[in-house]
Protein backbone atom coordinates (compact mmCIF):
# COMPACT_ATOMS: atom_id res chain seq x y z
CA MET A 1 -136.99 73.40 -108.42
CA MET A 2 -140.69 72.54 -108.34
CA ARG A 3 -139.87 68.90 -108.97
CA TYR A 4 -137.42 68.98 -106.03
CA VAL A 5 -140.09 70.48 -103.77
CA PHE A 6 -142.53 67.84 -104.92
CA LEU A 7 -140.10 65.01 -104.22
CA ARG A 8 -139.27 66.46 -100.81
CA LEU A 9 -142.92 66.73 -99.84
CA LEU A 10 -143.62 63.25 -101.16
CA PHE A 11 -140.77 61.93 -99.01
CA LEU A 12 -142.19 63.70 -95.97
CA LEU A 13 -145.63 62.23 -96.51
CA TRP A 14 -144.14 58.77 -96.99
CA HIS A 15 -142.15 59.22 -93.80
CA VAL A 16 -145.09 60.24 -91.66
CA THR A 17 -147.31 57.45 -92.97
CA THR A 18 -144.71 54.73 -92.39
CA SER A 19 -143.36 55.82 -88.99
CA SER A 20 -144.27 53.30 -86.30
CA PRO A 21 -144.91 54.36 -82.70
CA LEU A 22 -143.48 52.41 -79.80
CA PRO A 23 -145.75 49.63 -78.57
CA THR A 24 -147.54 50.38 -75.34
CA ILE A 25 -146.42 48.70 -72.12
CA GLU A 26 -149.03 46.87 -70.07
CA VAL A 27 -149.20 45.50 -66.53
CA GLN A 28 -150.01 41.89 -65.84
CA GLY A 29 -149.77 40.91 -62.22
CA TYR A 30 -146.42 42.13 -60.90
CA LYS A 31 -144.68 42.53 -64.24
CA PHE A 32 -144.64 44.87 -67.25
CA PHE A 33 -145.02 43.47 -70.77
CA ASP A 34 -144.58 44.80 -74.30
CA SER A 35 -148.08 44.82 -75.81
CA HIS A 36 -146.73 43.96 -79.27
CA THR A 37 -144.08 41.31 -78.69
CA GLY A 38 -145.32 39.94 -75.38
CA GLU A 39 -141.81 40.18 -73.95
CA GLU A 40 -141.29 41.23 -70.35
CA PHE A 41 -140.35 44.91 -70.11
CA VAL A 42 -137.54 45.55 -67.63
CA VAL A 43 -136.84 49.19 -66.79
CA ARG A 44 -133.34 50.58 -67.41
CA GLY A 45 -133.91 54.19 -66.48
CA ILE A 46 -132.45 57.54 -65.50
CA ASP A 47 -134.04 60.33 -63.48
CA TYR A 48 -134.01 63.30 -65.84
CA TYR A 49 -134.04 66.95 -64.82
CA PRO A 50 -131.61 68.98 -66.99
CA ARG A 51 -131.31 71.97 -64.66
CA PRO A 52 -128.70 74.48 -65.89
CA ASN A 53 -125.95 75.81 -63.65
CA TYR A 54 -127.16 79.39 -63.43
CA GLY A 55 -129.96 81.83 -64.14
CA ASP A 56 -133.73 81.79 -64.28
CA LEU A 57 -133.95 78.06 -65.06
CA ASN A 58 -131.72 77.08 -62.15
CA HIS A 59 -134.68 76.06 -59.97
CA ASN A 60 -136.54 72.94 -58.90
CA SER A 61 -139.83 71.77 -60.40
CA LEU A 62 -139.70 73.59 -63.72
CA ASP A 63 -141.11 71.96 -66.82
CA LEU A 64 -138.10 71.85 -69.17
CA PHE A 65 -139.74 69.38 -71.56
CA SER A 66 -142.06 71.56 -73.61
CA SER A 67 -141.40 72.82 -77.12
CA GLN A 68 -140.15 76.08 -75.61
CA TYR A 69 -137.12 74.26 -74.24
CA ARG A 70 -136.43 72.02 -77.20
CA HIS A 71 -132.83 73.28 -77.29
CA ILE A 72 -132.33 71.76 -73.82
CA TRP A 73 -133.80 68.28 -74.11
CA GLU A 74 -132.88 67.83 -77.77
CA ARG A 75 -129.23 68.22 -76.78
CA ASP A 76 -129.60 65.31 -74.37
CA VAL A 77 -131.33 62.75 -76.59
CA VAL A 78 -128.09 61.33 -77.99
CA TYR A 79 -126.62 60.98 -74.49
CA LEU A 80 -129.75 59.22 -73.24
CA GLN A 81 -129.65 56.85 -76.19
CA ASN A 82 -125.97 56.17 -75.61
CA LEU A 83 -126.75 55.29 -71.98
CA LYS A 84 -128.99 52.48 -73.28
CA VAL A 85 -131.88 53.69 -71.14
CA ASN A 86 -135.42 52.72 -72.05
CA VAL A 87 -137.14 54.97 -69.46
CA VAL A 88 -136.76 58.51 -68.18
CA ARG A 89 -138.60 59.77 -65.13
CA LEU A 90 -139.85 63.37 -65.02
CA TYR A 91 -140.43 65.10 -61.69
CA ALA A 92 -142.60 68.00 -62.88
CA VAL A 93 -144.64 68.93 -65.96
CA ASN A 94 -147.00 71.78 -66.83
CA ALA A 95 -150.03 70.29 -68.54
CA SER A 96 -150.90 73.58 -70.24
CA LEU A 97 -147.73 73.41 -72.38
CA ASN A 98 -147.16 71.35 -75.52
CA HIS A 99 -145.03 68.24 -75.07
CA ASP A 100 -145.54 66.62 -78.48
CA GLU A 101 -142.02 67.24 -79.71
CA PHE A 102 -140.39 65.98 -76.52
CA MET A 103 -142.51 62.84 -76.27
CA HIS A 104 -141.99 61.95 -79.91
CA ALA A 105 -138.26 62.62 -79.68
CA MET A 106 -138.17 60.15 -76.79
CA GLU A 107 -140.27 57.74 -78.81
CA ARG A 108 -137.90 57.86 -81.76
CA ALA A 109 -135.06 57.18 -79.32
CA GLY A 110 -136.90 54.11 -77.98
CA ILE A 111 -137.52 55.73 -74.58
CA TYR A 112 -140.64 55.55 -72.41
CA VAL A 113 -141.55 58.23 -69.86
CA ILE A 114 -142.84 58.11 -66.28
CA VAL A 115 -144.74 61.37 -65.73
CA ALA A 116 -145.37 63.04 -62.36
CA LEU A 117 -148.96 64.08 -61.62
CA ALA A 118 -147.84 66.43 -58.85
CA HIS A 119 -144.97 68.85 -58.43
CA ASP A 120 -143.50 71.28 -55.93
CA CYS A 121 -145.95 74.13 -55.34
CA PRO A 122 -148.31 74.84 -52.41
CA THR A 123 -151.39 73.25 -54.00
CA CYS A 124 -149.72 70.95 -56.55
CA ALA A 125 -148.81 68.03 -54.28
CA VAL A 126 -149.67 66.31 -51.03
CA THR A 127 -148.53 68.64 -48.25
CA ARG A 128 -147.03 68.46 -44.76
CA ASP A 129 -150.43 68.87 -43.10
CA ALA A 130 -152.21 66.02 -41.36
CA ALA A 131 -154.93 64.18 -43.25
CA PRO A 132 -157.31 65.25 -44.67
CA ASP A 133 -155.88 68.77 -45.07
CA CYS A 134 -152.77 67.44 -46.82
CA TYR A 135 -154.83 66.92 -50.01
CA PRO A 136 -155.52 70.39 -51.45
CA PRO A 137 -158.55 70.27 -53.76
CA GLU A 138 -156.58 72.06 -56.51
CA LEU A 139 -154.33 68.98 -56.72
CA LYS A 140 -157.22 67.00 -58.17
CA TRP A 141 -157.37 69.21 -61.27
CA GLN A 142 -153.59 69.32 -61.47
CA GLY A 143 -153.41 65.53 -61.74
CA GLN A 144 -156.32 65.24 -64.15
CA ARG A 145 -154.85 67.85 -66.48
CA VAL A 146 -151.57 65.92 -66.63
CA ILE A 147 -153.39 62.67 -67.37
CA ARG A 148 -155.43 64.36 -70.07
CA ALA A 149 -152.30 65.83 -71.66
CA PHE A 150 -150.06 62.74 -71.59
CA ARG A 151 -152.42 59.80 -72.03
CA GLN A 152 -152.30 60.26 -75.80
CA TYR A 153 -148.67 59.12 -76.08
CA ASN A 154 -147.81 55.46 -76.59
CA ASN A 155 -144.57 55.95 -74.68
CA THR A 156 -146.17 57.23 -71.51
CA LEU A 157 -145.21 54.24 -69.39
CA ALA A 158 -146.92 55.27 -66.16
CA PHE A 159 -148.05 58.16 -63.99
CA SER A 160 -146.59 58.86 -60.55
CA ALA A 161 -149.04 60.36 -58.06
CA GLY A 162 -146.38 61.56 -55.66
CA ASN A 163 -142.70 61.59 -54.76
CA GLU A 164 -141.59 60.87 -51.20
CA VAL A 165 -144.59 62.43 -49.45
CA ASN A 166 -143.58 60.35 -46.41
CA HIS A 167 -140.63 62.74 -46.06
CA PHE A 168 -143.18 65.45 -45.27
CA ALA A 169 -144.56 63.53 -42.29
CA PRO A 170 -143.12 63.70 -38.77
CA PRO A 171 -140.38 61.10 -38.15
CA ASN A 172 -141.71 57.53 -38.09
CA GLN A 173 -145.28 58.71 -38.66
CA PRO A 174 -146.14 58.05 -42.34
CA GLU A 175 -149.78 57.72 -41.30
CA TRP A 176 -149.76 61.52 -40.85
CA ASN A 177 -150.32 62.27 -44.54
CA ALA A 178 -150.36 58.88 -46.29
CA PRO A 179 -154.19 58.84 -46.47
CA CYS A 180 -153.97 61.97 -48.66
CA GLN A 181 -151.62 60.21 -51.05
CA LYS A 182 -153.86 57.16 -51.16
CA LYS A 183 -156.99 59.26 -51.74
CA PHE A 184 -155.25 61.12 -54.58
CA ILE A 185 -154.33 57.79 -56.18
CA ARG A 186 -157.95 56.68 -55.90
CA ASP A 187 -159.23 59.89 -57.51
CA MET A 188 -156.73 59.64 -60.36
CA ARG A 189 -157.49 55.97 -61.00
CA LYS A 190 -161.22 56.65 -61.13
CA TYR A 191 -160.57 59.54 -63.50
CA MET A 192 -158.42 57.34 -65.73
CA ALA A 193 -161.21 54.76 -65.79
CA SER A 194 -163.54 57.46 -67.17
CA CYS A 195 -161.20 58.04 -70.12
CA PRO A 196 -161.63 56.07 -73.34
CA GLY A 197 -158.81 53.94 -74.69
CA ARG A 198 -155.67 52.76 -72.95
CA GLN A 199 -155.59 52.64 -69.16
CA ILE A 200 -152.15 53.88 -68.11
CA PRO A 201 -151.03 52.58 -64.70
CA ILE A 202 -150.99 55.03 -61.80
CA GLY A 203 -148.63 54.52 -58.89
CA LEU A 204 -146.40 56.47 -56.55
CA VAL A 205 -142.85 56.78 -55.24
CA SER A 206 -141.93 56.51 -51.55
CA ALA A 207 -138.71 57.27 -49.74
CA ASP A 208 -137.20 54.12 -48.26
CA ASN A 209 -138.35 54.31 -44.67
CA GLU A 210 -141.17 52.40 -42.97
CA ARG A 211 -140.56 50.11 -45.93
CA GLU A 212 -142.96 47.24 -45.31
CA ASP A 213 -145.87 49.24 -43.88
CA LEU A 214 -145.90 51.80 -46.69
CA ALA A 215 -145.64 49.15 -49.40
CA GLN A 216 -148.56 47.23 -47.91
CA TYR A 217 -150.67 50.35 -47.34
CA TYR A 218 -150.54 51.45 -50.96
CA ASN A 219 -151.41 47.95 -52.18
CA CYS A 220 -154.36 47.30 -49.87
CA ASP A 221 -157.97 47.81 -50.94
CA GLU A 222 -160.01 49.06 -48.01
CA GLN A 223 -163.20 49.11 -50.08
CA ASP A 224 -162.41 48.53 -53.76
CA ASP A 225 -159.53 48.13 -56.17
CA TYR A 226 -159.25 51.87 -56.94
CA ASN A 227 -157.67 52.35 -53.52
CA ARG A 228 -154.59 50.43 -54.63
CA ALA A 229 -151.64 51.75 -56.58
CA GLU A 230 -151.02 49.96 -59.87
CA TRP A 231 -147.25 50.09 -59.45
CA TYR A 232 -144.97 51.04 -56.60
CA GLY A 233 -141.68 52.95 -56.67
CA ILE A 234 -139.12 53.17 -53.91
CA ASN A 235 -136.22 55.62 -53.75
CA THR A 236 -133.55 53.61 -51.99
CA TYR A 237 -129.87 54.18 -51.35
CA VAL A 238 -128.42 50.98 -49.90
CA SER A 239 -125.15 49.04 -50.22
CA CYS A 240 -122.88 52.03 -50.62
CA ASP A 241 -119.61 50.13 -50.25
CA GLY A 242 -117.39 50.87 -53.23
CA ALA A 243 -115.38 47.73 -52.47
CA ALA A 244 -118.38 45.40 -52.96
CA GLN A 245 -118.01 43.47 -56.21
CA THR A 246 -120.67 40.78 -55.94
CA TYR A 247 -124.27 40.61 -54.79
CA SER A 248 -123.19 38.57 -51.78
CA ASP A 249 -121.16 41.62 -50.69
CA ALA A 250 -124.27 43.84 -50.67
CA PRO A 251 -126.30 43.10 -47.51
CA GLY A 252 -128.46 46.19 -47.97
CA PHE A 253 -129.71 44.93 -51.32
CA LYS A 254 -130.23 41.45 -49.91
CA LEU A 255 -132.37 42.88 -47.11
CA LEU A 256 -134.36 44.90 -49.66
CA GLU A 257 -135.06 41.73 -51.61
CA GLU A 258 -136.12 39.86 -48.48
CA SER A 259 -138.42 42.69 -47.40
CA PHE A 260 -140.49 42.50 -50.57
CA ALA A 261 -140.31 38.72 -50.84
CA GLN A 262 -142.10 38.36 -47.50
CA LEU A 263 -144.82 40.79 -48.63
CA ASN A 264 -145.86 38.59 -51.59
CA TYR A 265 -146.33 41.83 -53.48
CA SER A 266 -148.84 41.70 -56.31
CA ILE A 267 -148.02 44.85 -58.35
CA PRO A 268 -144.81 45.85 -60.18
CA VAL A 269 -142.08 47.44 -58.05
CA LEU A 270 -139.38 49.76 -59.37
CA LEU A 271 -136.33 51.25 -57.71
CA THR A 272 -137.19 54.77 -58.85
CA GLU A 273 -133.95 56.21 -57.48
CA PHE A 274 -130.86 54.10 -56.90
CA GLY A 275 -127.10 54.59 -56.90
CA CYS A 276 -125.89 55.90 -53.56
CA LEU A 277 -122.75 58.00 -53.26
CA SER A 278 -119.66 57.17 -51.23
CA ASP A 279 -116.07 58.30 -51.18
CA SER A 280 -115.20 54.59 -51.11
CA PHE A 281 -115.82 54.52 -54.85
CA PRO A 282 -112.65 55.12 -56.88
CA THR A 283 -111.18 58.29 -58.32
CA ILE A 284 -111.21 58.06 -62.12
CA ASP A 285 -109.78 60.67 -64.48
CA GLY A 286 -109.54 63.07 -61.55
CA TYR A 287 -113.19 62.65 -60.48
CA GLU A 288 -113.56 61.35 -56.93
CA GLY A 289 -116.16 58.82 -55.80
CA GLN A 290 -117.21 57.56 -59.24
CA ARG A 291 -119.97 54.98 -58.87
CA ASN A 292 -119.53 51.64 -60.63
CA PHE A 293 -123.30 50.97 -60.72
CA LEU A 294 -122.88 47.31 -59.87
CA GLN A 295 -126.13 47.85 -57.98
CA GLY A 296 -127.80 48.19 -61.37
CA LYS A 297 -126.12 45.03 -62.61
CA TRP A 298 -127.42 43.05 -59.63
CA LEU A 299 -130.88 44.55 -59.95
CA LEU A 300 -131.16 43.62 -63.62
CA GLU A 301 -129.34 40.28 -63.63
CA GLU A 302 -129.74 38.55 -60.24
CA PRO A 303 -132.70 36.13 -60.60
CA SER A 304 -133.91 36.61 -57.02
CA LEU A 305 -133.91 40.40 -57.39
CA ARG A 306 -135.58 40.17 -60.79
CA GLU A 307 -138.35 38.18 -59.16
CA GLN A 308 -139.16 41.09 -56.84
CA PHE A 309 -138.32 44.15 -58.92
CA ASN A 310 -138.99 45.27 -62.49
CA GLY A 311 -135.77 47.21 -62.93
CA GLY A 312 -134.63 50.58 -61.75
CA ILE A 313 -133.98 54.23 -62.49
CA ALA A 314 -130.54 55.59 -61.66
CA PHE A 315 -130.29 58.96 -59.95
CA GLU A 316 -129.55 61.09 -61.93
CA TYR A 317 -128.67 62.39 -65.40
CA SER A 318 -126.97 65.67 -64.49
CA ILE A 319 -125.36 67.20 -61.42
CA GLU A 320 -127.28 70.11 -59.96
CA ARG A 321 -124.70 72.82 -59.31
CA GLU A 322 -126.88 74.39 -56.63
CA ASN A 323 -126.45 71.31 -54.44
CA ALA A 324 -123.23 69.64 -55.48
CA GLY A 325 -120.31 71.80 -54.48
CA GLN A 326 -117.57 73.40 -56.47
CA TYR A 327 -117.51 73.31 -60.26
CA PRO A 328 -116.31 71.23 -62.13
CA PHE A 329 -117.37 68.72 -59.48
CA LYS A 330 -114.18 66.67 -59.32
CA THR A 331 -114.13 66.67 -55.52
CA PHE A 332 -116.45 64.16 -53.84
CA ASN A 333 -119.69 65.72 -52.63
CA LYS A 334 -122.59 63.97 -50.92
CA GLN A 335 -125.06 65.62 -53.33
CA GLY A 336 -123.11 65.09 -56.55
CA TYR A 337 -125.46 62.49 -57.98
CA GLY A 338 -125.30 63.26 -61.69
CA VAL A 339 -123.47 60.98 -64.12
CA GLY A 340 -122.53 64.13 -66.03
CA TYR A 341 -122.46 67.88 -65.61
CA PHE A 342 -123.06 71.03 -67.62
CA SER A 343 -120.48 73.55 -68.75
CA PRO A 344 -119.51 76.36 -68.76
CA GLU A 345 -119.88 77.10 -65.07
CA LEU A 346 -122.42 79.92 -65.51
CA CYS A 347 -124.41 78.47 -68.39
CA ASP A 348 -128.11 79.25 -68.12
CA ASP A 349 -129.50 77.69 -71.34
CA ILE A 350 -131.01 81.07 -72.21
CA ASN A 351 -128.13 83.37 -73.03
CA VAL A 352 -125.33 80.84 -72.63
CA SER A 353 -125.98 77.29 -73.85
CA CYS A 354 -125.01 74.40 -71.60
CA ALA A 355 -122.94 71.50 -72.92
CA TYR A 356 -123.25 68.06 -71.31
CA ASN A 357 -120.06 66.40 -70.07
CA PRO A 358 -120.34 62.68 -69.24
CA MET A 359 -118.31 61.60 -66.21
CA PRO A 360 -116.72 58.17 -65.63
CA SER A 361 -119.87 57.02 -63.79
CA TYR A 362 -121.82 57.66 -67.01
CA LYS A 363 -119.67 55.08 -68.79
CA ALA A 364 -120.11 52.62 -65.92
CA LEU A 365 -123.91 52.93 -66.04
CA ARG A 366 -123.93 52.64 -69.83
CA ASN A 367 -121.92 49.41 -69.67
CA VAL A 368 -124.26 47.93 -67.06
CA TYR A 369 -127.36 48.80 -69.07
CA ALA A 370 -125.83 47.59 -72.34
CA GLU A 371 -124.92 44.21 -70.86
CA SER A 372 -128.34 43.78 -69.24
CA GLN A 373 -130.09 43.99 -72.61
CA ASN A 374 -129.07 40.37 -73.18
CA VAL A 375 -130.63 39.05 -69.98
CA THR A 376 -133.29 36.41 -70.56
CA THR A 377 -136.85 37.58 -69.87
CA ILE A 378 -140.16 35.80 -69.70
CA ARG A 379 -142.89 36.01 -72.32
CA ARG A 380 -146.38 37.05 -71.33
CA GLU A 381 -147.86 33.80 -72.61
CA ASP A 382 -145.52 31.83 -70.33
CA PHE A 383 -146.03 33.98 -67.24
CA GLU A 384 -148.17 32.59 -64.44
CA ILE A 385 -148.98 34.79 -61.48
CA ALA A 386 -147.95 33.03 -58.28
CA ALA A 387 -150.98 32.21 -56.15
CA SER A 388 -149.35 33.89 -53.16
CA ARG A 389 -148.98 37.13 -55.15
CA SER A 390 -152.42 37.35 -56.71
CA GLY A 391 -154.26 39.52 -54.19
CA SER A 392 -154.02 42.81 -52.39
CA SER A 393 -151.94 43.38 -49.27
CA GLN A 394 -153.22 43.47 -45.71
CA CYS A 395 -153.86 47.05 -44.61
CA PRO A 396 -151.59 48.01 -41.68
CA THR A 397 -153.69 49.00 -38.68
CA ARG A 398 -151.66 52.15 -37.99
CA PHE A 399 -153.19 53.88 -41.04
CA ASP A 400 -156.70 55.33 -41.06
CA ARG A 401 -159.08 54.29 -43.80
CA ILE A 402 -159.56 57.03 -46.37
CA ASP A 403 -163.34 56.84 -45.96
CA ALA A 404 -162.84 57.97 -42.36
CA PHE A 405 -162.21 61.52 -43.61
CA VAL A 406 -164.25 64.22 -45.32
CA TRP A 407 -162.31 65.29 -48.41
CA LYS A 408 -162.57 68.78 -49.86
CA ALA A 409 -161.48 67.36 -53.20
CA ASP A 410 -164.77 65.46 -53.41
CA GLN A 411 -166.48 68.82 -53.91
CA THR A 412 -164.20 69.58 -56.87
CA PRO A 413 -165.81 68.57 -60.19
CA ASN A 414 -163.90 66.24 -62.45
CA LEU A 415 -162.48 67.23 -65.79
CA VAL A 416 -164.07 65.35 -68.65
CA CYS A 417 -161.60 63.34 -70.69
CA ALA A 418 -161.32 64.34 -74.34
CA ILE A 419 -162.90 61.85 -76.71
CA GLU A 420 -160.09 60.79 -79.00
CA ASP A 421 -159.99 59.04 -82.33
CA GLU A 422 -158.09 55.77 -82.40
CA THR A 423 -155.69 57.52 -84.79
CA SER A 424 -155.00 60.55 -82.59
CA SER A 425 -151.64 59.35 -81.30
CA GLN A 426 -150.50 58.45 -84.81
CA ILE A 427 -151.68 61.82 -86.13
CA SER A 428 -149.78 63.64 -83.39
CA HIS A 429 -146.67 61.67 -84.33
CA GLN A 430 -147.14 62.56 -88.01
CA GLN A 431 -147.49 66.23 -87.14
CA SER A 432 -144.24 66.22 -85.18
CA VAL A 433 -142.38 64.69 -88.13
CA ILE A 434 -143.64 67.43 -90.45
CA VAL A 435 -142.54 70.06 -87.94
CA ARG A 436 -139.09 68.51 -87.64
CA GLU A 437 -138.48 67.96 -91.36
CA THR A 438 -139.89 71.21 -92.75
CA GLY A 439 -138.55 73.52 -90.08
CA PHE A 440 -142.00 74.88 -89.22
CA THR A 441 -141.84 76.05 -85.64
CA LYS A 442 -145.50 75.21 -85.10
CA LEU A 443 -147.98 73.06 -86.98
CA SER A 444 -150.57 75.80 -87.27
CA VAL A 445 -153.62 75.74 -89.49
CA GLY A 446 -151.74 78.07 -91.83
CA ASN A 447 -148.74 75.75 -92.07
CA VAL A 448 -150.92 72.76 -92.87
CA ALA A 449 -152.71 74.86 -95.48
CA LEU A 450 -149.32 75.79 -96.97
CA VAL A 451 -148.31 72.14 -97.32
CA ALA A 452 -151.69 71.27 -98.78
CA GLY A 453 -151.51 74.24 -101.15
CA LEU A 454 -148.08 73.25 -102.43
CA LEU A 455 -149.29 69.73 -103.06
CA THR A 456 -152.31 71.07 -104.92
CA ILE A 457 -150.15 73.34 -107.10
CA LEU A 458 -148.03 70.32 -107.95
CA GLY A 459 -151.10 68.50 -109.21
CA ILE A 460 -151.47 66.07 -106.37
CA GLY A 461 -154.93 65.16 -105.16
CA VAL A 462 -154.82 66.62 -101.68
CA PHE A 463 -155.68 64.33 -98.82
CA HIS A 464 -158.98 64.50 -97.09
CA LYS A 465 -158.72 66.61 -93.99
CA ARG A 466 -160.95 67.58 -91.19
CA LEU A 467 -160.44 70.58 -88.95
CA ARG A 468 -161.74 69.92 -85.54
CA HIS A 469 -161.99 72.18 -82.52
CA GLU A 470 -162.12 69.64 -79.76
CA THR A 471 -162.95 71.36 -76.52
CA PRO A 472 -162.80 69.16 -73.43
CA ILE A 473 -165.01 70.65 -70.76
CA MET A 474 -165.49 70.15 -67.08
CA SER A 475 -168.58 68.71 -65.49
CA ASN A 476 -170.76 70.74 -63.17
CA ASN A 477 -169.96 73.96 -65.00
CA GLY A 478 -166.29 73.99 -64.00
CA PRO A 479 -163.83 76.21 -65.89
CA ASP A 480 -162.64 75.22 -69.36
CA ASP A 481 -158.85 75.29 -69.65
CA SER A 482 -158.57 73.66 -73.06
CA VAL A 483 -157.43 75.14 -76.35
CA PRO A 484 -158.60 74.23 -79.84
CA PHE A 485 -156.22 72.19 -81.91
CA LEU A 486 -155.95 70.89 -85.43
CA SER A 487 -156.56 67.24 -86.15
CA LEU A 488 -156.02 65.52 -89.49
CA GLN A 489 -158.41 62.62 -89.63
CA GLY A 490 -156.56 60.92 -92.44
CA PHE A 491 -155.10 61.41 -95.88
CA LYS A 492 -154.60 59.57 -99.15
CA LEU A 493 -152.46 60.53 -102.12
CA ASN A 494 -153.72 60.31 -105.69
CA TYR A 495 -150.68 58.81 -107.38
CA ASN A 496 -152.30 59.04 -110.86
CA SER A 497 -151.57 62.77 -110.96
CA ILE A 498 -147.82 62.39 -110.36
CA ALA A 499 -145.86 63.40 -113.46
């Protein structure tokens, strides 16, 4: 028995020391590249919010990605893998919760994550007020906490500083609150620059109206580069004709391409929501209006579209029962966006577990993403930024400069980024493997001591360890919201003592 325990622990230690994290993704000009291979990274994504059909979790803007809800997201990993996605986009996270298990589960599945810095609460996002009041000072800490929590993960692809704040403005008046969004981007970029290590790109997502002006505004630098987004997302629902079979049959997509081509846009652009609904799509297996996702095929394979866009994120993984009509969602509904749904009808993922049921549109999206994996991409070493796309955009005159306002957030002290070891991300990954393989529900100091004690009993020279209470603080005597955690600086087995 002791020999079995020893072999099991030895296997675990071998596993954690040989596991390789995903390479980071970097921005060069208007493209993403794999930092390890140098290959262009093209996004094949899905918007992911696994909201159950019923109960206390049947609400918007909950963080369902912490360890507390492992039973929810762990269920979905195999379906996300089968979809051939390489990115999921999260709309809301709570930075005070632990997301190690979720992020490493995504990493093992080969999936990167776009993380929202804001979410739906009165002081957690840009509001409906006119600038400068649309930027609540509490939002500054909200965004910085999220950056501090998620910057450690290799598979954090990017941060999104807002989602469709132009929908909060009066019709045809994005200048109403856009300066607040731009100022928040500036504050988050400056904060990221204060952090050691990898600089994760910060951008935003706009609804597809006032298309050209908004795109230019968020890529113009009134005073310095921090005023620009580092990537731009657009939620767009165009070319909804189910009869269209080729790109030439999709005038809405062609117009979208032409809009960005004339802008000579110099940062990466993603379609952060795509896949409009229409009852012109066919009925398959009794489900009406099943999207064929040819839009995704064109986006990922048409050379002219590839030149303007870096891929897209289909909307969305699961139907939200609250919005989508009568269960089991076989009748066409204008809000039935999910490519699958949860059953049974009143599952709440607390007392009654939800099961995921892929719909015919799930298979269509999977086939599109699977085929697009073979599309030829450019290598970083061969990529030359076009001279016409090397600078910032011209600022539209309808928008006020952000330095024209007095911002309450400027009186809010910044959080100080935690000083991390170069090995911190690898250590966090190793910890998650031990949790998964041993069944420990939490890698507490006691659990680590138990593993170390067992190894010592078995005659193994226990690895060097260092307990560290790392307490990030806030400047100017701001409140401290951090918690101590355990870090293992490194370890080395003494193989001479193995019997």
